[in-house]
Amino acid sequence: MTKLLSCRFNMDTGCVELLLRDGTTVAIDCIVIEDEYGNTPAQRAELNWLLYNKPLEYAQLVLGEEMEHYLSLGCDHGRLGD
């Protein structure tokens, strides 16, 4: 894979946008991902947490087809504290 120059979540488009060194751009539609994998409120919260805090990891999980496995681990970044 070509080297990554930038990765960010664009709130205006609802996409994680990747820019590669060869000029290729990749846009991941986060609404589609949320509809596919956000089956519970906890999963949706985790997806949102990833978007805002770790968009690169979010993109890696989507592109590596590992999002379902990641969410099955029961991550709780998106949960509110007491």
Protein backbone atom coordinates (compact mmCIF):
# COMPACT_ATOMS: atom_id res chain seq x y z
CA MET A 1 0.00 0.00 0.00
CA THR A 2 1.17 3.51 -0.78
CA LYS A 3 2.24 5.61 2.19
CA LEU A 4 -0.44 7.56 3.99
CA LEU A 5 -0.07 11.35 4.09
CA SER A 6 -3.16 12.24 6.10
CA CYS A 7 -6.25 10.80 7.74
CA ARG A 8 -9.10 12.79 9.26
CA PHE A 9 -12.79 12.65 10.01
CA ASN A 10 -14.67 15.25 7.98
CA MET A 11 -17.81 16.22 9.91
CA ASP A 12 -19.26 17.99 6.87
CA THR A 13 -19.30 14.85 4.72
CA GLY A 14 -19.52 12.21 7.47
CA CYS A 15 -16.47 10.46 6.02
CA VAL A 16 -13.04 9.44 7.19
CA GLU A 17 -10.78 10.78 4.45
CA LEU A 18 -7.40 9.31 3.63
CA LEU A 19 -4.81 10.94 1.36
CA LEU A 20 -2.07 8.67 0.00
CA ARG A 21 1.33 9.74 -1.28
CA ASP A 22 0.46 8.80 -4.88
CA GLY A 23 -2.43 11.30 -4.79
CA THR A 24 -5.15 8.72 -4.24
CA THR A 25 -7.93 9.75 -1.89
CA VAL A 26 -10.16 7.31 -0.06
CA ALA A 27 -13.38 8.37 1.66
CA ILE A 28 -15.07 5.95 4.06
CA ASP A 29 -18.77 6.76 4.49
CA CYS A 30 -19.24 6.45 8.24
CA ILE A 31 -23.04 6.41 8.03
CA VAL A 32 -22.85 3.23 5.96
CA ILE A 33 -20.41 1.69 8.45
CA GLU A 34 -22.65 2.65 11.38
CA ASP A 35 -25.69 1.14 9.64
CA GLU A 36 -23.75 -2.07 8.97
CA TYR A 37 -22.04 -2.56 12.32
CA GLY A 38 -23.80 -0.34 14.88
CA ASN A 39 -26.46 -2.80 15.97
CA THR A 40 -26.58 -1.67 19.60
CA PRO A 41 -26.23 1.69 21.34
CA ALA A 42 -22.87 0.54 22.77
CA GLN A 43 -21.56 -0.34 19.31
CA ARG A 44 -22.70 3.00 17.91
CA ALA A 45 -21.03 4.80 20.81
CA GLU A 46 -17.80 2.90 20.16
CA LEU A 47 -17.91 3.75 16.45
CA ASN A 48 -18.39 7.43 17.31
CA TRP A 49 -15.56 7.34 19.83
CA LEU A 50 -13.23 5.90 17.20
CA LEU A 51 -14.26 8.53 14.65
CA TYR A 52 -13.52 11.47 16.90
CA ASN A 53 -10.50 10.09 18.75
CA LYS A 54 -8.78 7.61 16.44
CA PRO A 55 -9.86 8.06 12.80
CA LEU A 56 -6.78 6.21 11.52
CA GLU A 57 -7.60 3.12 13.58
CA TYR A 58 -11.22 3.40 12.42
CA ALA A 59 -10.05 3.40 8.78
CA GLN A 60 -7.69 0.48 9.39
CA LEU A 61 -10.50 -1.58 10.92
CA VAL A 62 -12.81 -0.84 7.99
CA LEU A 63 -10.22 -1.42 5.26
CA GLY A 64 -8.91 -4.55 6.99
CA GLU A 65 -12.47 -5.87 7.34
CA GLU A 66 -11.95 -6.23 11.10
CA MET A 67 -14.67 -3.89 12.42
CA GLU A 68 -17.09 -6.69 13.32
CA HIS A 69 -14.40 -8.53 15.28
CA TYR A 70 -13.32 -5.32 17.05
CA LEU A 71 -16.89 -4.53 18.14
CA SER A 72 -17.43 -8.12 19.28
CA LEU A 73 -14.67 -7.61 21.87
CA GLY A 74 -17.02 -5.38 23.85
CA CYS A 75 -14.89 -2.24 23.81
CA ASP A 76 -16.32 0.50 25.98
CA HIS A 77 -14.55 3.72 24.98
CA GLY A 78 -17.86 5.32 24.09
CA ARG A 79 -19.48 4.65 27.47
CA LEU A 80 -20.10 7.51 29.82
CA GLY A 81 -18.52 7.32 33.24
CA ASP A 82 -20.56 7.37 36.43
